[in-house]
Protein backbone atom coordinates (compact mmCIF):
# COMPACT_ATOMS: atom_id res chain seq x y z
CA UNK A 1 423.17 -80.19 146.72
CA UNK A 2 420.07 -82.34 146.31
CA UNK A 3 417.96 -82.39 143.20
CA UNK A 4 415.74 -79.24 143.02
CA UNK A 5 412.45 -81.16 142.75
CA UNK A 6 413.36 -83.29 145.77
CA UNK A 7 414.02 -80.18 147.87
CA UNK A 8 410.79 -78.54 146.80
CA UNK A 9 408.86 -81.71 147.74
CA UNK A 10 410.53 -81.69 151.12
CA UNK A 11 409.74 -78.03 151.65
CA UNK A 12 406.09 -78.62 150.80
CA UNK A 13 405.84 -81.59 153.20
CA UNK A 14 407.64 -79.92 156.12
CA UNK A 15 404.97 -78.77 158.55
CA UNK A 16 407.54 -77.35 160.95
CA UNK A 17 408.22 -74.38 158.57
CA UNK A 18 405.93 -71.45 158.16
CA UNK A 19 404.41 -70.73 154.76
CA UNK A 20 406.68 -67.71 154.33
CA UNK A 21 409.74 -69.85 155.09
CA UNK A 22 408.64 -72.38 152.52
CA UNK A 23 408.15 -69.71 149.89
CA UNK A 24 411.53 -68.12 150.64
CA UNK A 25 413.39 -71.40 150.47
CA UNK A 26 411.60 -72.40 147.28
CA UNK A 27 412.52 -69.11 145.63
CA UNK A 28 416.13 -69.38 146.76
CA UNK A 29 416.32 -72.87 145.32
CA UNK A 30 414.98 -71.63 141.97
CA UNK A 31 417.35 -68.66 141.97
CA UNK A 32 420.25 -70.97 142.63
CA UNK A 33 419.23 -73.17 139.72
CA UNK A 34 418.62 -70.25 137.33
CA UNK A 35 421.71 -68.30 138.33
CA UNK A 36 424.05 -71.19 138.86
CA UNK A 37 427.60 -69.94 139.10
CA UNK A 38 426.62 -66.30 139.41
CA UNK A 39 426.19 -66.22 143.23
CA UNK A 40 428.91 -64.60 145.28
CA UNK A 41 430.42 -66.42 148.25
CA UNK A 42 428.13 -64.81 150.86
CA UNK A 43 424.95 -65.62 148.92
CA UNK A 44 426.12 -69.16 148.40
CA UNK A 45 426.80 -69.54 152.14
CA UNK A 46 423.39 -68.12 153.00
CA UNK A 47 421.74 -70.51 150.54
CA UNK A 48 423.62 -73.46 151.99
CA UNK A 49 422.55 -72.50 155.48
CA UNK A 50 418.92 -72.22 154.43
CA UNK A 51 418.98 -75.58 152.70
CA UNK A 52 420.63 -77.21 155.72
CA UNK A 53 417.91 -75.76 157.93
CA UNK A 54 415.29 -77.36 155.72
CA UNK A 55 417.14 -80.66 155.75
CA UNK A 56 417.42 -80.60 159.54
CA UNK A 57 413.74 -79.86 159.95
CA UNK A 58 412.86 -82.67 157.60
CA UNK A 59 415.10 -85.11 159.45
CA UNK A 60 413.32 -84.25 162.65
CA UNK A 61 410.03 -85.38 161.15
CA UNK A 62 411.54 -88.30 159.23
CA UNK A 63 414.41 -89.66 161.37
CA UNK A 64 414.59 -92.87 159.36
CA UNK A 65 416.04 -90.94 156.42
CA UNK A 66 418.85 -89.27 158.41
CA UNK A 67 422.20 -89.12 156.67
CA UNK A 68 420.82 -89.73 153.17
CA UNK A 69 420.55 -86.06 152.20
CA UNK A 70 423.32 -83.84 150.95
CA UNK A 71 423.59 -80.24 151.97
CA UNK A 72 425.97 -77.60 150.92
CA UNK A 73 429.39 -78.01 152.44
CA UNK A 74 430.83 -75.47 154.75
CA UNK A 75 428.20 -74.98 157.46
CA UNK A 76 425.72 -72.19 157.94
CA UNK A 77 426.09 -68.77 159.48
CA UNK A 78 428.21 -69.66 162.52
CA UNK A 79 426.26 -72.81 163.35
CA UNK A 80 429.25 -75.14 162.85
CA UNK A 81 431.32 -76.54 165.71
CA UNK A 82 435.09 -76.42 165.80
CA UNK A 83 435.34 -79.69 163.87
CA UNK A 84 432.96 -78.54 161.15
CA UNK A 85 429.84 -80.19 162.58
CA UNK A 86 426.68 -78.33 163.40
CA UNK A 87 426.41 -77.67 167.15
CA UNK A 88 423.65 -79.09 169.34
CA UNK A 89 422.47 -75.58 170.12
CA UNK A 90 422.26 -74.72 166.43
CA UNK A 91 420.21 -77.86 165.77
CA UNK A 92 417.84 -77.02 168.59
CA UNK A 93 417.40 -73.39 167.47
CA UNK A 94 417.01 -74.28 163.83
CA UNK A 95 414.64 -77.22 164.21
CA UNK A 96 413.13 -77.20 167.69
CA UNK A 97 413.16 -79.70 170.59
CA UNK A 98 413.97 -83.35 169.76
CA UNK A 99 411.60 -86.23 170.46
CA UNK A 100 411.20 -87.49 174.03
CA UNK A 101 414.15 -89.63 175.01
CA UNK A 102 416.39 -88.17 172.27
CA UNK A 103 418.91 -85.35 171.93
CA UNK A 104 420.30 -83.46 168.95
CA UNK A 105 423.76 -84.23 167.62
CA UNK A 106 425.54 -82.47 164.79
CA UNK A 107 427.25 -84.75 162.27
CA UNK A 108 429.37 -84.59 159.14
CA UNK A 109 428.37 -87.26 156.66
CA UNK A 110 429.78 -88.40 153.35
CA UNK A 111 427.21 -88.62 150.59
CA UNK A 112 427.02 -91.29 147.93
CA UNK A 113 428.43 -88.89 145.35
CA UNK A 114 431.47 -88.20 147.53
CA UNK A 115 430.35 -84.81 148.77
CA UNK A 116 430.29 -83.89 152.47
CA UNK A 117 427.19 -82.61 154.30
CA UNK A 118 426.57 -81.13 157.70
CA UNK A 119 423.38 -82.40 159.30
CA UNK A 120 421.54 -82.85 162.60
CA UNK A 121 420.46 -86.22 163.87
CA UNK A 122 418.53 -87.39 166.91
CA UNK A 123 420.36 -89.76 169.25
CA UNK A 124 418.73 -91.77 172.08
CA UNK A 125 419.73 -90.30 175.41
CA UNK A 126 420.52 -93.76 176.79
CA UNK A 127 423.37 -93.98 174.32
CA UNK A 128 425.19 -91.44 176.42
CA UNK A 129 427.71 -93.07 178.68
CA UNK A 130 427.47 -91.77 182.24
CA UNK A 131 430.34 -91.80 184.60
CA UNK A 132 430.29 -95.24 186.35
CA UNK A 133 428.80 -94.97 189.84
CA UNK A 134 430.94 -96.18 192.70
CA UNK A 135 428.71 -98.83 194.28
CA UNK A 136 431.34 -100.58 196.40
CA UNK A 137 430.04 -99.20 199.71
CA UNK A 138 426.44 -100.00 198.81
CA UNK A 139 427.33 -103.50 197.64
CA UNK A 140 429.28 -104.17 200.84
CA UNK A 141 426.30 -103.04 202.93
CA UNK A 142 423.96 -105.26 200.98
CA UNK A 143 426.21 -108.28 201.44
CA UNK A 144 426.29 -107.61 205.16
CA UNK A 145 422.49 -107.27 205.26
CA UNK A 146 422.05 -110.46 203.22
CA UNK A 147 424.27 -112.46 205.56
CA UNK A 148 422.60 -111.03 208.63
CA UNK A 149 419.08 -111.66 207.28
CA UNK A 150 419.95 -115.28 206.56
CA UNK A 151 421.42 -115.76 210.03
CA UNK A 152 418.41 -114.11 211.68
CA UNK A 153 415.87 -116.19 209.76
CA UNK A 154 417.71 -119.46 210.31
CA UNK A 155 418.03 -118.58 213.99
CA UNK A 156 414.28 -118.08 214.08
CA UNK A 157 413.76 -121.65 212.87
CA UNK A 158 413.25 -121.18 209.14
CA UNK A 159 414.99 -124.43 208.25
CA UNK A 160 413.94 -127.78 206.84
CA UNK A 161 415.08 -129.36 210.12
CA UNK A 162 412.33 -127.42 211.92
CA UNK A 163 409.53 -128.58 209.64
CA UNK A 164 409.59 -126.26 206.61
CA UNK A 165 409.89 -127.56 203.07
CA UNK A 166 412.84 -126.61 200.91
CA UNK A 167 410.44 -124.83 198.54
CA UNK A 168 409.21 -122.64 201.41
CA UNK A 169 412.77 -121.80 202.44
CA UNK A 170 413.76 -120.98 198.83
CA UNK A 171 410.72 -118.74 198.42
CA UNK A 172 411.51 -116.92 201.66
CA UNK A 173 415.11 -116.17 200.76
CA UNK A 174 414.09 -115.21 197.23
CA UNK A 175 411.81 -112.56 198.74
CA UNK A 176 414.65 -111.29 200.92
CA UNK A 177 416.93 -111.13 197.88
CA UNK A 178 414.37 -109.06 195.97
CA UNK A 179 414.08 -106.62 198.91
CA UNK A 180 417.83 -106.19 198.95
CA UNK A 181 417.98 -105.70 195.18
CA UNK A 182 415.30 -103.00 195.44
CA UNK A 183 417.48 -101.11 197.89
CA UNK A 184 415.29 -101.81 200.91
CA UNK A 185 418.27 -102.87 203.01
CA UNK A 186 420.45 -99.87 202.12
CA UNK A 187 421.22 -98.23 205.42
CA UNK A 188 420.07 -101.36 207.26
CA UNK A 189 420.47 -100.90 211.01
CA UNK A 190 419.13 -104.01 212.75
CA UNK A 191 416.76 -106.96 212.93
CA UNK A 192 413.60 -105.07 213.92
CA UNK A 193 413.35 -103.57 210.44
CA UNK A 194 413.53 -107.07 208.97
CA UNK A 195 410.86 -108.39 211.33
CA UNK A 196 408.50 -105.55 210.46
CA UNK A 197 408.99 -106.19 206.74
CA UNK A 198 408.62 -109.91 207.31
CA UNK A 199 405.33 -109.52 209.22
CA UNK A 200 403.68 -107.21 206.71
CA UNK A 201 404.99 -108.13 203.25
CA UNK A 202 402.54 -109.98 201.03
CA UNK A 203 405.46 -112.18 199.93
CA UNK A 204 406.23 -113.50 203.41
CA UNK A 205 403.16 -112.93 205.58
CA UNK A 206 401.86 -116.50 205.15
CA UNK A 207 405.11 -118.21 206.13
CA UNK A 208 405.52 -115.80 209.06
CA UNK A 209 402.07 -116.75 210.37
CA UNK A 210 402.91 -120.42 209.88
CA UNK A 211 406.15 -120.08 211.82
CA UNK A 212 404.52 -118.24 214.73
CA UNK A 213 401.22 -120.10 214.56
CA UNK A 214 400.47 -119.75 218.28
CA UNK A 215 400.34 -115.96 218.13
CA UNK A 216 396.93 -115.75 216.46
CA UNK A 217 395.28 -117.89 219.16
CA UNK A 218 397.04 -115.95 221.88
CA UNK A 219 395.68 -112.75 220.37
CA UNK A 220 392.15 -114.22 220.48
CA UNK A 221 392.71 -114.73 224.22
CA UNK A 222 393.76 -111.13 224.63
CA UNK A 223 397.41 -112.09 225.04
CA UNK A 224 400.44 -111.06 223.02
CA UNK A 225 404.14 -111.93 223.02
CA UNK A 226 407.07 -110.94 220.84
CA UNK A 227 408.88 -113.25 218.46
CA UNK A 228 411.77 -113.40 220.93
CA UNK A 229 409.49 -114.42 223.80
CA UNK A 230 407.84 -117.00 221.54
CA UNK A 231 411.20 -118.56 220.67
CA UNK A 232 412.26 -118.56 224.34
CA UNK A 233 409.08 -120.47 225.23
CA UNK A 234 409.84 -123.03 222.54
CA UNK A 235 413.34 -123.44 223.91
CA UNK A 236 412.04 -123.92 227.47
CA UNK A 237 409.39 -126.44 226.35
CA UNK A 238 412.07 -128.35 224.47
CA UNK A 239 414.34 -128.48 227.51
CA UNK A 240 411.51 -129.87 229.68
CA UNK A 241 410.57 -132.59 227.23
CA UNK A 242 414.17 -133.53 226.64
CA UNK A 243 414.96 -133.67 230.37
CA UNK A 244 412.08 -136.10 230.92
CA UNK A 245 413.28 -138.29 228.11
CA UNK A 246 410.49 -137.74 225.60
CA UNK A 247 411.48 -138.58 222.01
CA UNK A 248 412.48 -135.56 219.91
CA UNK A 249 409.54 -136.18 217.60
CA UNK A 250 407.42 -134.28 220.14
CA UNK A 251 409.47 -131.10 219.91
CA UNK A 252 411.33 -130.93 216.60
CA UNK A 253 408.96 -128.82 214.47
CA UNK A 254 407.30 -125.42 214.81
CA UNK A 255 403.87 -127.08 214.76
CA UNK A 256 404.67 -129.06 217.94
CA UNK A 257 404.94 -125.82 219.87
CA UNK A 258 402.27 -123.67 218.23
CA UNK A 259 399.32 -125.40 219.90
CA UNK A 260 400.94 -125.36 223.34
CA UNK A 261 401.87 -121.68 223.07
CA UNK A 262 398.47 -120.82 221.59
CA UNK A 263 396.80 -122.39 224.64
CA UNK A 264 398.72 -119.93 226.81
CA UNK A 265 400.58 -122.66 228.72
CA UNK A 266 403.43 -121.75 231.02
CA UNK A 267 406.61 -123.82 231.12
CA UNK A 268 405.42 -125.29 234.44
CA UNK A 269 402.11 -126.36 232.94
CA UNK A 270 403.87 -128.05 230.05
CA UNK A 271 406.07 -129.87 232.54
CA UNK A 272 402.93 -131.10 234.36
CA UNK A 273 401.59 -132.51 231.11
CA UNK A 274 404.89 -134.23 230.42
CA UNK A 275 404.73 -135.90 233.86
CA UNK A 276 401.17 -137.08 233.17
CA UNK A 277 402.27 -138.37 229.77
CA UNK A 278 405.22 -140.22 231.30
CA UNK A 279 402.95 -141.93 233.85
CA UNK A 280 400.54 -142.85 231.05
CA UNK A 281 403.34 -145.00 229.66
CA UNK A 282 402.64 -147.40 232.53
CA UNK A 283 400.77 -150.29 230.85
CA UNK A 284 398.03 -150.34 233.53
CA UNK A 285 397.43 -146.59 233.26
CA UNK A 286 397.44 -146.80 229.48
CA UNK A 287 394.88 -149.63 229.55
CA UNK A 288 392.53 -147.64 231.80
CA UNK A 289 392.79 -144.48 229.69
CA UNK A 290 392.02 -146.43 226.55
CA UNK A 291 389.03 -148.06 228.25
CA UNK A 292 387.65 -144.89 229.86
CA UNK A 293 388.07 -142.51 226.90
CA UNK A 294 387.96 -144.84 223.90
CA UNK A 295 391.48 -143.86 223.00
CA UNK A 296 392.78 -145.77 220.02
CA UNK A 297 396.11 -147.50 219.72
CA UNK A 298 397.74 -144.29 218.55
CA UNK A 299 400.13 -142.03 220.40
CA UNK A 300 398.99 -141.91 224.04
CA UNK A 301 401.81 -139.50 224.94
CA UNK A 302 400.57 -136.90 222.46
CA UNK A 303 397.06 -137.49 223.81
CA UNK A 304 398.15 -136.76 227.40
CA UNK A 305 400.09 -133.70 226.24
CA UNK A 306 396.73 -132.51 224.97
CA UNK A 307 397.77 -132.36 221.33
CA UNK A 308 395.59 -135.10 219.80
CA UNK A 309 392.05 -136.41 220.15
CA UNK A 310 390.95 -139.97 220.91
CA UNK A 311 391.58 -140.98 217.29
CA UNK A 312 395.10 -139.60 217.21
CA UNK A 313 394.15 -136.58 215.10
CA UNK A 314 395.87 -133.28 215.84
CA UNK A 315 393.79 -130.75 217.73
CA UNK A 316 393.71 -127.19 216.47
CA UNK A 317 394.41 -126.07 220.02
CA UNK A 318 395.87 -127.98 222.96
CA UNK A 319 393.35 -129.41 225.43
CA UNK A 320 393.00 -127.34 228.61
CA UNK A 321 394.92 -128.17 231.76
CA UNK A 322 391.99 -129.36 233.89
CA UNK A 323 390.93 -131.88 231.26
CA UNK A 324 394.44 -133.32 231.29
CA UNK A 325 394.44 -133.41 235.08
CA UNK A 326 391.06 -135.22 235.33
CA UNK A 327 391.95 -137.82 232.72
CA UNK A 328 395.30 -138.49 234.32
CA UNK A 329 393.65 -138.81 237.72
CA UNK A 330 391.05 -141.34 236.54
CA UNK A 331 393.70 -143.33 234.68
CA UNK A 332 395.84 -143.63 237.79
CA UNK A 333 392.91 -144.53 240.07
CA UNK A 334 391.84 -147.23 237.65
CA UNK A 335 395.38 -148.56 237.30
CA UNK A 336 395.96 -148.76 241.08
CA UNK A 337 392.58 -150.47 241.52
CA UNK A 338 393.28 -153.08 238.85
CA UNK A 339 396.70 -153.77 240.34
CA UNK A 340 395.12 -154.39 243.77
CA UNK A 341 392.52 -156.70 242.27
CA UNK A 342 389.54 -154.35 242.17
CA UNK A 343 387.32 -154.11 239.14
CA UNK A 344 387.04 -150.43 238.22
CA UNK A 345 384.88 -148.88 235.51
CA UNK A 346 384.96 -145.19 234.61
CA UNK A 347 381.83 -144.37 236.60
CA UNK A 348 383.26 -145.73 239.84
CA UNK A 349 386.64 -144.10 239.15
CA UNK A 350 384.84 -140.76 238.74
CA UNK A 351 383.03 -141.38 242.04
CA UNK A 352 386.34 -141.84 243.85
CA UNK A 353 387.95 -138.90 242.04
CA UNK A 354 385.05 -136.68 243.08
CA UNK A 355 385.65 -137.22 246.81
CA UNK A 356 387.65 -134.72 248.85
CA UNK A 357 390.52 -137.19 249.04
CA UNK A 358 390.23 -138.02 245.36
CA UNK A 359 390.67 -134.36 244.48
CA UNK A 360 394.07 -134.41 246.13
CA UNK A 361 395.34 -137.04 243.69
CA UNK A 362 397.64 -135.14 241.39
CA UNK A 363 398.66 -136.93 238.20
CA UNK A 364 401.14 -134.12 237.60
CA UNK A 365 403.38 -135.48 240.38
CA UNK A 366 405.62 -138.44 239.63
CA UNK A 367 405.10 -140.07 243.08
CA UNK A 368 401.29 -140.06 242.89
CA UNK A 369 400.87 -143.50 241.37
CA UNK A 370 403.13 -145.13 243.98
CA UNK A 371 401.15 -143.50 246.80
CA UNK A 372 397.89 -144.68 245.28
CA UNK A 373 399.17 -148.23 245.06
CA UNK A 374 399.89 -148.20 248.81
CA UNK A 375 396.37 -146.95 249.57
CA UNK A 376 394.79 -149.56 247.35
CA UNK A 377 396.88 -152.37 248.85
CA UNK A 378 395.56 -151.46 252.32
CA UNK A 379 392.04 -151.30 250.92
CA UNK A 380 392.53 -154.77 249.47
CA UNK A 381 393.19 -156.20 252.92
CA UNK A 382 390.21 -154.34 254.37
CA UNK A 383 387.99 -155.52 251.53
CA UNK A 384 388.93 -159.16 252.16
CA UNK A 385 388.10 -158.85 255.88
CA UNK A 386 384.85 -157.01 255.17
CA UNK A 387 383.84 -159.69 252.70
CA UNK A 388 384.18 -162.31 255.43
CA UNK A 389 382.16 -160.25 257.91
CA UNK A 390 379.45 -159.51 255.37
CA UNK A 391 379.19 -163.23 254.70
CA UNK A 392 378.64 -163.94 258.41
CA UNK A 393 375.97 -161.27 258.50
CA UNK A 394 374.54 -162.54 255.22
CA UNK A 395 374.95 -159.08 253.70
CA UNK A 396 375.64 -158.13 250.13
CA UNK A 397 379.00 -156.46 249.94
CA UNK A 398 380.81 -154.64 247.14
CA UNK A 399 384.54 -154.84 247.75
CA UNK A 400 384.95 -151.46 246.14
CA UNK A 401 383.23 -150.02 249.22
CA UNK A 402 386.55 -150.52 250.97
CA UNK A 403 388.02 -148.12 248.41
CA UNK A 404 385.13 -145.73 248.90
CA UNK A 405 385.75 -145.75 252.64
CA UNK A 406 389.46 -145.13 252.07
CA UNK A 407 388.50 -142.15 249.92
CA UNK A 408 386.31 -140.71 252.68
CA UNK A 409 382.87 -141.94 251.53
CA UNK A 410 380.71 -141.59 254.65
CA UNK A 411 378.15 -144.25 253.75
CA UNK A 412 380.79 -146.87 253.04
CA UNK A 413 382.66 -145.89 256.21
CA UNK A 414 379.52 -146.27 258.41
CA UNK A 415 378.71 -149.67 256.89
CA UNK A 416 382.22 -150.87 257.63
CA UNK A 417 382.04 -149.61 261.20
CA UNK A 418 378.73 -151.45 261.78
CA UNK A 419 380.20 -154.72 260.57
CA UNK A 420 383.19 -154.26 262.83
CA UNK A 421 380.91 -153.55 265.82
CA UNK A 422 378.89 -156.70 265.23
CA UNK A 423 382.07 -158.71 265.00
CA UNK A 424 383.21 -157.39 268.33
CA UNK A 425 379.85 -158.25 269.86
CA UNK A 426 380.04 -161.79 268.58
CA UNK A 427 383.41 -162.26 270.18
CA UNK A 428 382.25 -160.76 273.49
CA UNK A 429 379.15 -163.04 273.42
CA UNK A 430 376.66 -163.57 276.28
CA UNK A 431 377.59 -165.94 279.17
CA UNK A 432 381.25 -165.92 278.21
CA UNK A 433 381.11 -169.06 276.07
CA UNK A 434 382.76 -167.48 273.17
CA UNK A 435 385.21 -165.81 275.49
CA UNK A 436 386.13 -169.11 277.13
CA UNK A 437 386.49 -170.82 273.86
CA UNK A 438 388.69 -168.05 272.64
CA UNK A 439 390.69 -168.25 275.86
CA UNK A 440 391.36 -171.94 275.35
CA UNK A 441 392.27 -171.28 271.78
CA UNK A 442 394.66 -168.58 272.82
CA UNK A 443 396.32 -171.00 275.30
CA UNK A 444 396.87 -173.42 272.48
């Protein structure tokens, strides 16, 4: 048993005991000291139990000193377990609840002097070893979800080959991995759950919006499509461009499609732009477009697809279809005119394009330029004849009026008819002189 003064100090410092308990324990300790050897077995057992109770209470308040205190051997009043240790229940009843996160545990300790003591000590709950959880089914489900997520995201174009950086891809899959680790994919039952998480998560919202960049502009137009419809449009655009022989640089990244989809273009409308862009590859058409619209020496194909401005800078949204049509029309009129030997500035090209016949010129048809060249060749022959007649009549004549007449310009048509009428009159002549002369000439 501990030194009497030590026990009395402990009793005085133990706020978990009532004053009466302190007094009783103090008196018992004194009686034991004064009557050493005169206690019967029952009294000695009761004293040991009382002293152990004090020691347990003290250890609760001062856990750092556990195991350093001797008590009387032999346990107290039925509080010992089968192996001689104090039971958890006895500790709890004698001392009270343990600290948060701890439990009581009875222990038999060997003191420095070789004696044995029963005591209570507090043990962290986490030290208890739980039965290992069988996670094989959960782990298998998570592996399946991980593989499926990766396949879905790569199928949606989240790859470096489609324009994303490796850092963006790594960040995306790191987010997916954290979702799986948090148990989000447990019970996973399909891609829609992933898409919803992908759209709304703060971790992935930015890269989602980057991937489907055309959706925001479509929404501003009051239009909406699903991710699947978006990807199908990309695939159809790609097929059109590939079939017409455009280089893959025009359709190998998500950004190439976003502006076309955002403009609400159908597959047919994209095909029309591709045709216009193909015809702009003609050197004469290219020269006229550069002259009329101050287009630099950059990518004229991207310009005619409506993706860049005159300086080759990317547009936030693709140019509208009618702008593409008008520019293609003027470029082809100018090219056909130059080929036939007519000088054609933008103003005169716009005049011809504004006629009823000019409006039928469709730069979205591959055969348009060839048809125009035939019309302008005929106009060239007419212009040469009209120049001769105007010279006879001492009239000023603009050869482009032959083009205007071919495009249905009424004023140019009337002027040409008047010159033709005067020519016929000169040949008919008065008195038949000219007729006779012509007759002799015909005989020759």
